C-alpha cells in the first residue's frame, strides 16, 4: 500500500513538473508583453473610441497595406505582418468586415496605440487613427476614427528568446513612434534667408 502511494506521489510530482516546464516554454509571453507595454504611452478613449480621453504615444505608418474599420465596430480588421509585408487576414472574419466603411491607412498617417498582446507565435498591436474623418453611415454623416489590428507573425522560435527591443525593432518598420519615424518631415521654405538690411530714405 505504501509503495502504491509513493508511486502515485512520484507520478503526480512528475506530471506537475512537466506541466510547469510546458507552461514555461509553451508560449507564456506575459513578461515580453509587459516589457513591450513599457515602451509606449497608451491612449485611452471613450466607449465609442471617437473621444480621446488620454492621448498617448503617436505612431507613424511606415508601410502601405494597413486597413482599418470604424472605431465603433465590435470586430477588428486583422492586418497580418510577416517578413515585413502587410496583408489582410482571409477567411470568414475578413468576409464579415464592411469594406464600404473600411479605410486604407497611408504612409505618414498618425495613429495611437491602445493595446498590446503577446501570443505564442505573434505580437498584436491595436491602433486607432489620430485624425477623425467624415463617414456616411445609413444616410447620415458623422465624425469617426478608424481602428486596426496589426498581427506581427514572428514565430515561436524567435519569441522564445526575443526581448522587447528586438520585437520593437521589427514593429518600427511598420509603425514607428513619431520621434523615431523615418518618414520625411515637410520642409518649410523661406522666400529669402538673407539677413535683412535697413533702408536709407
N, C-alpha and C. Protein backbone atom coordinates (compact mmCIF):
# COMPACT_ATOMS: atom_id res chain seq x y z
N UNK A 1 0.82 -1.21 0.00
CA UNK A 1 0.00 0.00 0.00
C UNK A 1 0.86 1.26 0.00
N UNK A 2 1.90 1.21 0.88
CA UNK A 2 2.81 2.34 0.98
C UNK A 2 3.54 2.55 -0.35
N UNK A 3 3.92 1.45 -1.00
CA UNK A 3 4.62 1.52 -2.28
C UNK A 3 3.73 2.14 -3.34
N UNK A 4 2.44 1.80 -3.28
CA UNK A 4 1.49 2.33 -4.25
C UNK A 4 1.32 3.84 -4.08
N UNK A 5 1.21 4.29 -2.82
CA UNK A 5 1.05 5.71 -2.54
C UNK A 5 2.30 6.47 -2.98
N UNK A 6 3.48 5.88 -2.71
CA UNK A 6 4.74 6.51 -3.12
C UNK A 6 4.81 6.64 -4.64
N UNK A 7 4.36 5.60 -5.33
CA UNK A 7 4.36 5.62 -6.78
C UNK A 7 3.43 6.68 -7.34
N UNK A 8 2.25 6.81 -6.72
CA UNK A 8 1.29 7.83 -7.15
C UNK A 8 1.83 9.23 -6.90
N UNK A 9 2.51 9.40 -5.75
CA UNK A 9 3.09 10.69 -5.41
C UNK A 9 4.18 11.08 -6.43
N UNK A 10 5.01 10.08 -6.77
CA UNK A 10 6.08 10.34 -7.74
C UNK A 10 5.50 10.70 -9.10
N UNK A 11 4.42 9.98 -9.49
CA UNK A 11 3.78 10.25 -10.77
C UNK A 11 3.16 11.64 -10.79
N UNK A 12 2.51 12.01 -9.68
CA UNK A 12 1.89 13.33 -9.60
C UNK A 12 2.93 14.43 -9.67
N UNK A 13 4.04 14.21 -8.97
CA UNK A 13 5.13 15.20 -8.99
C UNK A 13 5.70 15.37 -10.39
N UNK A 14 5.87 14.25 -11.09
CA UNK A 14 6.40 14.30 -12.46
C UNK A 14 5.46 15.05 -13.39
N UNK A 15 4.16 14.81 -13.24
CA UNK A 15 3.16 15.49 -14.07
C UNK A 15 3.18 16.99 -13.78
N UNK A 16 3.29 17.35 -12.49
CA UNK A 16 3.32 18.76 -12.10
C UNK A 16 4.54 19.46 -12.67
N UNK A 17 5.71 18.81 -12.55
CA UNK A 17 6.95 19.40 -13.07
C UNK A 17 6.88 19.54 -14.58
N UNK A 18 6.35 18.50 -15.25
CA UNK A 18 6.22 18.55 -16.70
C UNK A 18 5.29 19.68 -17.12
N UNK A 19 4.22 19.86 -16.34
CA UNK A 19 3.29 20.94 -16.64
C UNK A 19 3.94 22.30 -16.50
N UNK A 20 4.79 22.46 -15.47
CA UNK A 20 5.49 23.72 -15.26
C UNK A 20 6.47 24.01 -16.39
N UNK A 21 7.17 22.95 -16.84
CA UNK A 21 8.11 23.11 -17.95
C UNK A 21 7.37 23.49 -19.22
N UNK A 22 6.25 22.82 -19.46
CA UNK A 22 5.47 23.10 -20.65
C UNK A 22 4.97 24.52 -20.65
N UNK A 23 4.50 24.99 -19.48
CA UNK A 23 4.00 26.35 -19.37
C UNK A 23 5.10 27.36 -19.61
N UNK A 24 6.29 27.05 -19.07
CA UNK A 24 7.41 27.99 -19.20
C UNK A 24 7.90 28.11 -20.62
N UNK A 25 7.83 27.00 -21.39
CA UNK A 25 8.36 27.02 -22.75
C UNK A 25 7.28 26.94 -23.81
N UNK A 26 6.02 26.93 -23.40
CA UNK A 26 4.96 26.72 -24.37
C UNK A 26 4.19 27.95 -24.76
N UNK A 27 4.74 29.13 -24.57
CA UNK A 27 4.08 30.30 -25.10
C UNK A 27 3.63 31.32 -24.09
N UNK A 28 4.10 31.28 -22.85
CA UNK A 28 3.76 32.31 -21.89
C UNK A 28 4.57 33.56 -22.21
N UNK A 29 3.92 34.56 -22.74
CA UNK A 29 4.60 35.77 -23.19
C UNK A 29 4.30 36.97 -22.29
N UNK A 30 3.86 36.74 -21.07
CA UNK A 30 3.46 37.85 -20.20
C UNK A 30 4.62 38.80 -19.90
N UNK A 31 5.82 38.25 -19.68
CA UNK A 31 6.98 39.11 -19.39
C UNK A 31 7.32 39.97 -20.60
N UNK A 32 7.29 39.38 -21.80
CA UNK A 32 7.57 40.12 -23.02
C UNK A 32 6.50 41.18 -23.25
N UNK A 33 5.25 40.80 -23.00
CA UNK A 33 4.15 41.74 -23.19
C UNK A 33 4.31 42.96 -22.27
N UNK A 34 4.63 42.71 -21.01
CA UNK A 34 4.82 43.81 -20.06
C UNK A 34 5.98 44.71 -20.47
N UNK A 35 7.06 44.09 -20.96
CA UNK A 35 8.23 44.86 -21.38
C UNK A 35 7.90 45.74 -22.60
N UNK A 36 7.11 45.21 -23.52
CA UNK A 36 6.71 45.99 -24.68
C UNK A 36 5.80 47.15 -24.28
N UNK A 37 4.89 46.90 -23.36
CA UNK A 37 3.97 47.95 -22.91
C UNK A 37 4.73 49.12 -22.29
N UNK A 38 5.86 48.82 -21.66
CA UNK A 38 6.64 49.88 -21.02
C UNK A 38 7.31 50.81 -22.03
N UNK A 39 7.31 50.42 -23.31
CA UNK A 39 7.95 51.22 -24.35
C UNK A 39 7.04 52.34 -24.86
N UNK A 40 5.75 52.31 -24.51
CA UNK A 40 4.80 53.26 -25.05
C UNK A 40 3.92 53.86 -23.96
N UNK A 41 3.34 55.01 -24.30
CA UNK A 41 2.25 55.57 -23.51
C UNK A 41 0.96 55.20 -24.22
N UNK A 42 0.09 54.47 -23.54
CA UNK A 42 -1.14 54.00 -24.17
C UNK A 42 -2.21 55.10 -24.18
N UNK A 43 -3.00 55.08 -25.25
CA UNK A 43 -4.09 56.05 -25.39
C UNK A 43 -5.38 55.47 -24.83
N UNK A 44 -6.12 56.32 -24.15
CA UNK A 44 -7.42 55.92 -23.61
C UNK A 44 -8.51 56.67 -24.36
N UNK A 45 -9.60 55.95 -24.65
CA UNK A 45 -10.69 56.53 -25.43
C UNK A 45 -12.02 56.36 -24.70
N UNK A 46 -13.05 57.03 -25.24
CA UNK A 46 -14.40 56.81 -24.76
C UNK A 46 -14.91 55.47 -25.25
N UNK A 47 -16.13 55.15 -24.89
CA UNK A 47 -16.71 53.85 -25.26
C UNK A 47 -16.77 53.66 -26.76
N UNK A 48 -17.11 54.73 -27.49
CA UNK A 48 -17.22 54.62 -28.95
C UNK A 48 -15.87 54.77 -29.66
N UNK A 49 -14.81 54.99 -28.90
CA UNK A 49 -13.44 55.16 -29.41
C UNK A 49 -13.29 56.35 -30.36
N UNK A 50 -14.17 57.32 -30.25
CA UNK A 50 -14.04 58.55 -31.02
C UNK A 50 -13.42 59.63 -30.14
N UNK A 51 -13.89 59.73 -28.92
CA UNK A 51 -13.37 60.73 -27.99
C UNK A 51 -12.10 60.21 -27.33
N UNK A 52 -11.02 60.98 -27.43
CA UNK A 52 -9.75 60.63 -26.79
C UNK A 52 -9.73 61.24 -25.40
N UNK A 53 -9.71 60.40 -24.38
CA UNK A 53 -9.69 60.89 -23.00
C UNK A 53 -8.28 61.08 -22.47
N UNK A 54 -7.34 60.33 -23.03
CA UNK A 54 -5.93 60.48 -22.63
C UNK A 54 -5.05 60.07 -23.80
N UNK A 55 -4.49 61.05 -24.52
CA UNK A 55 -3.64 60.71 -25.66
C UNK A 55 -2.32 60.10 -25.20
N UNK A 56 -1.79 59.21 -26.03
CA UNK A 56 -0.53 58.55 -25.72
C UNK A 56 0.49 58.76 -26.82
N UNK A 57 1.38 57.80 -26.95
CA UNK A 57 2.44 57.87 -27.97
C UNK A 57 1.83 57.92 -29.37
N UNK A 58 2.32 58.84 -30.18
CA UNK A 58 1.89 58.95 -31.57
C UNK A 58 2.81 58.09 -32.42
N UNK A 59 2.23 57.18 -33.19
CA UNK A 59 2.98 56.33 -34.10
C UNK A 59 2.70 56.76 -35.54
N UNK A 60 3.67 56.56 -36.41
CA UNK A 60 3.54 56.95 -37.81
C UNK A 60 3.60 55.70 -38.69
N UNK A 61 2.63 55.58 -39.60
CA UNK A 61 2.59 54.44 -40.52
C UNK A 61 3.79 54.51 -41.46
N UNK A 62 4.54 53.40 -41.55
CA UNK A 62 5.74 53.34 -42.38
C UNK A 62 5.54 52.57 -43.67
N UNK A 63 4.48 51.74 -43.74
CA UNK A 63 4.27 50.89 -44.92
C UNK A 63 2.82 50.89 -45.35
N UNK A 64 2.62 50.71 -46.65
CA UNK A 64 1.28 50.59 -47.21
C UNK A 64 0.68 49.23 -46.86
N UNK A 65 -0.64 49.12 -47.03
CA UNK A 65 -1.30 47.84 -46.87
C UNK A 65 -2.11 47.67 -45.60
N UNK A 66 -2.07 48.66 -44.71
CA UNK A 66 -2.82 48.56 -43.45
C UNK A 66 -4.22 49.12 -43.67
N UNK A 67 -5.22 48.33 -43.34
CA UNK A 67 -6.61 48.76 -43.46
C UNK A 67 -7.27 48.78 -42.10
N UNK A 68 -8.17 49.73 -41.91
CA UNK A 68 -8.88 49.84 -40.64
C UNK A 68 -10.38 49.94 -40.86
N UNK A 69 -11.14 49.64 -39.83
CA UNK A 69 -12.59 49.78 -39.86
C UNK A 69 -13.03 50.83 -38.86
N UNK A 70 -14.28 51.18 -38.89
CA UNK A 70 -14.81 52.19 -37.99
C UNK A 70 -14.47 51.87 -36.55
N UNK A 71 -14.08 52.88 -35.81
CA UNK A 71 -13.65 52.67 -34.43
C UNK A 71 -14.77 52.11 -33.56
N UNK A 72 -16.02 52.36 -33.94
CA UNK A 72 -17.15 51.89 -33.15
C UNK A 72 -17.52 50.44 -33.43
N UNK A 73 -16.95 49.84 -34.49
CA UNK A 73 -17.26 48.44 -34.80
C UNK A 73 -16.75 47.51 -33.70
N UNK A 74 -17.46 46.43 -33.50
CA UNK A 74 -17.07 45.46 -32.47
C UNK A 74 -15.88 44.63 -32.91
N UNK A 75 -15.80 44.32 -34.19
CA UNK A 75 -14.71 43.47 -34.71
C UNK A 75 -13.54 44.32 -35.16
N UNK A 76 -12.40 43.66 -35.37
CA UNK A 76 -11.19 44.32 -35.83
C UNK A 76 -10.76 43.74 -37.17
N UNK A 77 -10.36 44.62 -38.07
CA UNK A 77 -9.79 44.16 -39.33
C UNK A 77 -8.34 43.79 -39.06
N UNK A 78 -8.03 42.51 -39.23
CA UNK A 78 -6.72 41.98 -38.86
C UNK A 78 -5.73 42.10 -40.02
N UNK A 79 -4.68 42.89 -39.78
CA UNK A 79 -3.61 43.04 -40.76
C UNK A 79 -2.43 42.18 -40.32
N UNK A 80 -2.12 41.15 -41.09
CA UNK A 80 -1.03 40.24 -40.76
C UNK A 80 0.28 40.78 -41.29
N UNK A 81 1.29 40.79 -40.47
CA UNK A 81 2.61 41.26 -40.87
C UNK A 81 3.59 40.09 -40.76
N UNK A 82 4.13 39.70 -41.90
CA UNK A 82 5.08 38.59 -41.93
C UNK A 82 6.26 38.96 -42.84
N UNK A 83 7.46 38.86 -42.32
CA UNK A 83 8.67 39.22 -43.07
C UNK A 83 8.58 40.65 -43.61
N UNK A 84 7.99 41.53 -42.81
CA UNK A 84 7.91 42.93 -43.19
C UNK A 84 6.82 43.28 -44.16
N UNK A 85 6.04 42.29 -44.61
CA UNK A 85 4.97 42.51 -45.57
C UNK A 85 3.62 42.50 -44.87
N UNK A 86 2.76 43.45 -45.26
CA UNK A 86 1.44 43.58 -44.64
C UNK A 86 0.38 43.01 -45.56
N UNK A 87 -0.53 42.20 -45.00
CA UNK A 87 -1.64 41.63 -45.78
C UNK A 87 -2.82 41.41 -44.85
N UNK A 88 -4.03 41.58 -45.38
CA UNK A 88 -5.22 41.34 -44.57
C UNK A 88 -5.45 39.84 -44.42
N UNK A 89 -5.89 39.46 -43.23
CA UNK A 89 -6.21 38.06 -42.98
C UNK A 89 -7.43 37.66 -43.78
N UNK A 90 -7.44 36.42 -44.26
CA UNK A 90 -8.57 35.94 -45.02
C UNK A 90 -9.57 35.20 -44.14
N UNK A 91 -10.46 34.45 -44.78
CA UNK A 91 -11.41 33.64 -44.03
C UNK A 91 -12.70 34.37 -43.71
N UNK A 92 -13.51 33.74 -42.83
CA UNK A 92 -14.84 34.25 -42.50
C UNK A 92 -14.77 35.62 -41.85
N UNK A 93 -13.75 35.83 -40.98
CA UNK A 93 -13.64 37.11 -40.29
C UNK A 93 -13.48 38.26 -41.26
N UNK A 94 -12.70 38.05 -42.30
CA UNK A 94 -12.50 39.10 -43.30
C UNK A 94 -13.77 39.36 -44.08
N UNK A 95 -14.55 38.31 -44.35
CA UNK A 95 -15.79 38.47 -45.08
C UNK A 95 -16.81 39.30 -44.30
N UNK A 96 -16.72 39.26 -42.97
CA UNK A 96 -17.67 39.98 -42.13
C UNK A 96 -17.36 41.47 -42.07
N UNK A 97 -16.18 41.88 -42.49
CA UNK A 97 -15.81 43.29 -42.44
C UNK A 97 -16.53 44.06 -43.53
N UNK A 98 -17.07 45.22 -43.17
CA UNK A 98 -17.77 46.05 -44.14
C UNK A 98 -16.79 46.88 -44.95
N UNK A 99 -16.46 46.44 -46.14
CA UNK A 99 -15.48 47.13 -46.96
C UNK A 99 -15.93 48.54 -47.35
N UNK A 100 -17.24 48.79 -47.33
CA UNK A 100 -17.74 50.12 -47.66
C UNK A 100 -17.34 51.14 -46.59
N UNK A 101 -17.09 50.68 -45.41
CA UNK A 101 -16.73 51.60 -44.33
C UNK A 101 -15.28 51.46 -43.88
N UNK A 102 -14.51 50.62 -44.57
CA UNK A 102 -13.10 50.47 -44.20
C UNK A 102 -12.27 51.55 -44.89
N UNK A 103 -11.06 51.73 -44.40
CA UNK A 103 -10.18 52.76 -44.95
C UNK A 103 -8.75 52.25 -44.98
N UNK A 104 -8.05 52.49 -46.08
CA UNK A 104 -6.65 52.14 -46.19
C UNK A 104 -5.81 53.27 -45.60
N UNK A 105 -5.00 52.92 -44.60
CA UNK A 105 -4.14 53.92 -43.98
C UNK A 105 -2.92 54.14 -44.87
N UNK A 106 -2.50 55.39 -44.97
CA UNK A 106 -1.40 55.75 -45.85
C UNK A 106 -0.10 55.92 -45.07
N UNK A 107 1.00 55.76 -45.79
CA UNK A 107 2.30 56.02 -45.19
C UNK A 107 2.34 57.48 -44.72
N UNK A 108 2.74 57.69 -43.50
CA UNK A 108 2.76 59.03 -42.93
C UNK A 108 1.57 59.34 -42.05
N UNK A 109 0.48 58.53 -42.15
CA UNK A 109 -0.67 58.72 -41.27
C UNK A 109 -0.25 58.47 -39.82
N UNK A 110 -0.86 59.21 -38.91
CA UNK A 110 -0.52 59.08 -37.50
C UNK A 110 -1.61 58.30 -36.76
N UNK A 111 -1.18 57.42 -35.88
CA UNK A 111 -2.13 56.59 -35.11
C UNK A 111 -1.70 56.56 -33.65
N UNK A 112 -2.68 56.22 -32.81
CA UNK A 112 -2.43 55.97 -31.40
C UNK A 112 -2.40 54.46 -31.15
N UNK A 113 -1.78 54.05 -30.08
CA UNK A 113 -1.75 52.65 -29.66
C UNK A 113 -2.56 52.53 -28.37
N UNK A 114 -3.49 51.56 -28.32
CA UNK A 114 -4.28 51.43 -27.11
C UNK A 114 -4.25 50.02 -26.50
N UNK A 115 -3.55 49.09 -27.17
CA UNK A 115 -3.48 47.74 -26.59
C UNK A 115 -2.35 46.95 -27.27
N UNK A 116 -1.68 46.10 -26.48
CA UNK A 116 -0.67 45.17 -26.99
C UNK A 116 -0.93 43.80 -26.40
N UNK A 117 -0.82 42.77 -27.22
CA UNK A 117 -0.92 41.38 -26.75
C UNK A 117 0.26 40.59 -27.31
N UNK A 118 0.89 39.81 -26.46
CA UNK A 118 1.96 38.91 -26.91
C UNK A 118 1.43 37.48 -26.83
N UNK A 119 1.32 36.84 -27.97
CA UNK A 119 0.79 35.49 -28.05
C UNK A 119 1.92 34.48 -28.27
N UNK A 120 1.53 33.23 -28.49
CA UNK A 120 2.51 32.14 -28.64
C UNK A 120 3.49 32.39 -29.77
N UNK A 121 2.99 32.82 -30.93
CA UNK A 121 3.86 32.99 -32.09
C UNK A 121 3.74 34.36 -32.73
N UNK A 122 3.06 35.31 -32.06
CA UNK A 122 2.88 36.63 -32.65
C UNK A 122 2.69 37.68 -31.57
N UNK A 123 2.90 38.93 -31.98
CA UNK A 123 2.65 40.08 -31.13
C UNK A 123 1.62 40.94 -31.83
N UNK A 124 0.60 41.38 -31.07
CA UNK A 124 -0.52 42.09 -31.68
C UNK A 124 -0.60 43.53 -31.16
N UNK A 125 -0.67 44.46 -32.09
CA UNK A 125 -0.78 45.90 -31.77
C UNK A 125 -2.16 46.39 -32.22
N UNK A 126 -2.88 47.03 -31.31
CA UNK A 126 -4.19 47.59 -31.62
C UNK A 126 -4.04 49.11 -31.75
N UNK A 127 -4.35 49.64 -32.91
CA UNK A 127 -4.12 51.06 -33.17
C UNK A 127 -5.41 51.77 -33.56
N UNK A 128 -5.40 53.09 -33.44
CA UNK A 128 -6.55 53.91 -33.81
C UNK A 128 -6.02 55.22 -34.38
N UNK A 129 -6.68 55.75 -35.41
CA UNK A 129 -6.18 56.95 -36.08
C UNK A 129 -6.23 58.17 -35.16
N UNK A 130 -5.22 59.03 -35.30
CA UNK A 130 -5.23 60.29 -34.56
C UNK A 130 -6.28 61.22 -35.13
N UNK A 131 -6.43 61.23 -36.46
CA UNK A 131 -7.40 62.10 -37.11
C UNK A 131 -8.78 61.46 -37.14
N UNK A 132 -9.80 62.31 -37.22
CA UNK A 132 -11.17 61.84 -37.43
C UNK A 132 -11.57 62.15 -38.86
N UNK A 133 -12.57 61.42 -39.36
CA UNK A 133 -12.98 61.55 -40.75
C UNK A 133 -14.50 61.58 -40.84
N UNK A 134 -15.00 62.28 -41.87
CA UNK A 134 -16.44 62.28 -42.14
C UNK A 134 -16.81 60.97 -42.81
N UNK A 135 -17.75 60.24 -42.21
CA UNK A 135 -18.17 58.95 -42.75
C UNK A 135 -19.69 58.92 -42.84
N UNK A 136 -20.20 58.47 -43.98
CA UNK A 136 -21.64 58.35 -44.16
C UNK A 136 -22.09 56.95 -43.76
N UNK A 137 -22.87 56.86 -42.71
CA UNK A 137 -23.37 55.58 -42.23
C UNK A 137 -24.89 55.63 -42.17
N UNK A 138 -25.53 54.77 -42.95
CA UNK A 138 -27.00 54.71 -43.00
C UNK A 138 -27.62 56.06 -43.32
N UNK A 139 -27.00 56.78 -44.24
CA UNK A 139 -27.58 58.03 -44.70
C UNK A 139 -27.22 59.26 -43.90
N UNK A 140 -26.49 59.11 -42.81
CA UNK A 140 -26.09 60.27 -42.01
C UNK A 140 -24.57 60.35 -41.91
N UNK A 141 -24.07 61.57 -41.92
CA UNK A 141 -22.63 61.78 -41.86
C UNK A 141 -22.20 62.06 -40.42
N UNK A 142 -21.12 61.41 -40.02
CA UNK A 142 -20.62 61.62 -38.66
C UNK A 142 -19.10 61.55 -38.66
N UNK A 143 -18.52 62.14 -37.64
CA UNK A 143 -17.08 62.11 -37.46
C UNK A 143 -16.69 60.83 -36.73
N UNK A 144 -15.69 60.14 -37.25
CA UNK A 144 -15.25 58.90 -36.60
C UNK A 144 -13.75 58.70 -36.81
N UNK A 145 -13.22 57.77 -36.08
CA UNK A 145 -11.84 57.33 -36.27
C UNK A 145 -11.85 55.93 -36.85
N UNK A 146 -10.68 55.46 -37.25
CA UNK A 146 -10.54 54.10 -37.74
C UNK A 146 -9.57 53.34 -36.85
N UNK A 147 -9.89 52.09 -36.59
CA UNK A 147 -9.02 51.24 -35.77
C UNK A 147 -8.60 50.02 -36.58
N UNK A 148 -7.49 49.44 -36.17
CA UNK A 148 -6.99 48.26 -36.88
C UNK A 148 -6.15 47.41 -35.93
N UNK A 149 -6.03 46.17 -36.28
CA UNK A 149 -5.20 45.22 -35.54
C UNK A 149 -4.03 44.83 -36.43
N UNK A 150 -2.82 44.96 -35.89
CA UNK A 150 -1.61 44.52 -36.59
C UNK A 150 -1.07 43.28 -35.88
N UNK A 151 -1.07 42.16 -36.57
CA UNK A 151 -0.58 40.91 -36.00
C UNK A 151 0.80 40.61 -36.60
N UNK A 152 1.83 40.83 -35.80
CA UNK A 152 3.19 40.57 -36.25
C UNK A 152 3.53 39.10 -36.01
N UNK A 153 3.52 38.32 -37.09
CA UNK A 153 3.75 36.89 -37.01
C UNK A 153 5.26 36.63 -36.99
N UNK A 154 5.81 36.54 -35.79
CA UNK A 154 7.25 36.44 -35.60
C UNK A 154 7.75 35.01 -35.41
N UNK A 155 6.85 34.10 -35.08
CA UNK A 155 7.22 32.70 -34.89
C UNK A 155 7.61 32.38 -33.46
N UNK A 156 7.35 31.15 -33.06
CA UNK A 156 7.64 30.71 -31.70
C UNK A 156 9.13 30.75 -31.38
N UNK A 157 9.95 30.30 -32.33
CA UNK A 157 11.39 30.23 -32.07
C UNK A 157 11.96 31.62 -31.79
N UNK A 158 11.54 32.60 -32.56
CA UNK A 158 12.03 33.97 -32.36
C UNK A 158 11.57 34.51 -31.00
N UNK A 159 10.30 34.30 -30.69
CA UNK A 159 9.75 34.87 -29.45
C UNK A 159 10.24 34.16 -28.20
N UNK A 160 10.75 32.95 -28.36
CA UNK A 160 11.28 32.23 -27.20
C UNK A 160 12.44 33.00 -26.56
N UNK A 161 13.27 33.64 -27.38
CA UNK A 161 14.46 34.32 -26.88
C UNK A 161 14.41 35.82 -27.10
N UNK A 162 13.35 36.33 -27.72
CA UNK A 162 13.28 37.75 -28.05
C UNK A 162 13.06 38.60 -26.80
N UNK A 163 13.56 39.83 -26.85
CA UNK A 163 13.26 40.80 -25.82
C UNK A 163 12.46 41.94 -26.44
N UNK A 164 12.06 42.89 -25.63
CA UNK A 164 11.21 43.97 -26.11
C UNK A 164 11.90 44.80 -27.20
N UNK A 165 13.20 45.01 -27.07
CA UNK A 165 13.93 45.82 -28.05
C UNK A 165 13.97 45.15 -29.42
N UNK A 166 14.20 43.84 -29.46
CA UNK A 166 14.26 43.14 -30.74
C UNK A 166 12.89 43.08 -31.41
N UNK A 167 11.82 42.94 -30.61
CA UNK A 167 10.48 42.95 -31.19
C UNK A 167 10.13 44.34 -31.70
N UNK A 168 10.43 45.36 -30.90
CA UNK A 168 10.12 46.73 -31.30
C UNK A 168 10.86 47.11 -32.58
N UNK A 169 12.05 46.59 -32.77
CA UNK A 169 12.81 46.87 -33.98
C UNK A 169 12.05 46.39 -35.22
N UNK A 170 11.39 45.24 -35.10
CA UNK A 170 10.58 44.72 -36.21
C UNK A 170 9.33 45.57 -36.39
N UNK A 171 8.67 45.89 -35.28
CA UNK A 171 7.44 46.68 -35.32
C UNK A 171 7.70 48.05 -35.93
N UNK A 172 8.84 48.65 -35.60
CA UNK A 172 9.15 50.00 -36.07
C UNK A 172 9.24 50.11 -37.59
N UNK A 173 9.45 49.00 -38.29
CA UNK A 173 9.49 49.05 -39.75
C UNK A 173 8.10 49.25 -40.34
N UNK A 174 7.07 49.04 -39.52
CA UNK A 174 5.69 49.17 -39.98
C UNK A 174 4.99 50.36 -39.33
N UNK A 175 5.13 50.50 -38.02
CA UNK A 175 4.62 51.66 -37.29
C UNK A 175 5.68 52.08 -36.28
N UNK A 176 6.16 53.30 -36.41
CA UNK A 176 7.23 53.77 -35.55
C UNK A 176 6.80 55.00 -34.77
N UNK A 177 7.28 55.17 -33.54
CA UNK A 177 6.99 56.39 -32.79
C UNK A 177 7.37 57.62 -33.60
N UNK A 178 6.58 58.67 -33.48
CA UNK A 178 6.78 59.87 -34.29
C UNK A 178 8.21 60.40 -34.18
N UNK A 179 8.78 60.35 -32.98
CA UNK A 179 10.13 60.87 -32.76
C UNK A 179 11.19 60.01 -33.45
N UNK A 180 10.83 58.75 -33.79
CA UNK A 180 11.79 57.83 -34.40
C UNK A 180 11.45 57.50 -35.84
N UNK A 181 10.39 58.12 -36.36
CA UNK A 181 9.91 57.79 -37.70
C UNK A 181 10.92 58.19 -38.76
N UNK A 182 11.03 57.36 -39.79
CA UNK A 182 11.93 57.64 -40.91
C UNK A 182 11.21 58.36 -42.04
N UNK A 183 9.92 58.63 -41.85
CA UNK A 183 9.19 59.36 -42.88
C UNK A 183 9.67 60.81 -42.90
N UNK A 184 9.83 61.38 -44.09
CA UNK A 184 10.36 62.74 -44.19
C UNK A 184 9.45 63.77 -43.55
N UNK A 185 10.06 64.74 -42.87
CA UNK A 185 9.31 65.84 -42.27
C UNK A 185 9.19 66.95 -43.30
N UNK A 186 7.95 67.47 -43.52
CA UNK A 186 7.79 68.53 -44.53
C UNK A 186 8.72 69.71 -44.25
N UNK A 187 9.37 70.17 -45.30
CA UNK A 187 10.31 71.28 -45.14
C UNK A 187 9.58 72.61 -45.33
N UNK A 188 9.85 73.52 -44.44
CA UNK A 188 9.27 74.86 -44.52
C UNK A 188 10.26 75.76 -45.25
N UNK A 189 9.82 76.27 -46.39
CA UNK A 189 10.71 77.09 -47.21
C UNK A 189 10.54 78.56 -46.85
N UNK A 190 11.63 79.26 -46.88
CA UNK A 190 11.61 80.71 -46.67
C UNK A 190 11.93 81.38 -47.99
N UNK A 191 11.20 82.42 -48.32
CA UNK A 191 11.41 83.10 -49.59
C UNK A 191 12.79 83.75 -49.65
N UNK A 192 13.28 84.25 -48.53
CA UNK A 192 14.56 84.92 -48.54
C UNK A 192 15.24 84.70 -47.20
N UNK A 193 16.31 83.92 -47.19
CA UNK A 193 17.02 83.61 -45.96
C UNK A 193 18.14 84.63 -45.66
N UNK A 194 18.32 85.60 -46.56
CA UNK A 194 19.38 86.58 -46.34
C UNK A 194 19.03 87.50 -45.19
N UNK A 195 20.01 87.97 -44.43
CA UNK A 195 19.72 88.90 -43.33
C UNK A 195 19.14 90.18 -43.86
N UNK A 196 18.17 90.71 -43.12
CA UNK A 196 17.51 91.94 -43.55
C UNK A 196 18.47 93.13 -43.42
N UNK A 197 18.30 94.09 -44.31
CA UNK A 197 19.12 95.29 -44.28
C UNK A 197 18.24 96.51 -44.08
N UNK A 198 18.73 97.43 -43.30
CA UNK A 198 17.94 98.64 -43.08
C UNK A 198 18.05 99.51 -44.31
N UNK A 199 16.96 100.15 -44.63
CA UNK A 199 16.92 101.01 -45.82
C UNK A 199 17.15 102.47 -45.42
N UNK A 200 17.80 103.19 -46.29
CA UNK A 200 18.02 104.62 -46.08
C UNK A 200 17.05 105.41 -46.97
N UNK A 201 16.41 106.37 -46.36
CA UNK A 201 15.46 107.19 -47.12
C UNK A 201 16.03 108.58 -47.32
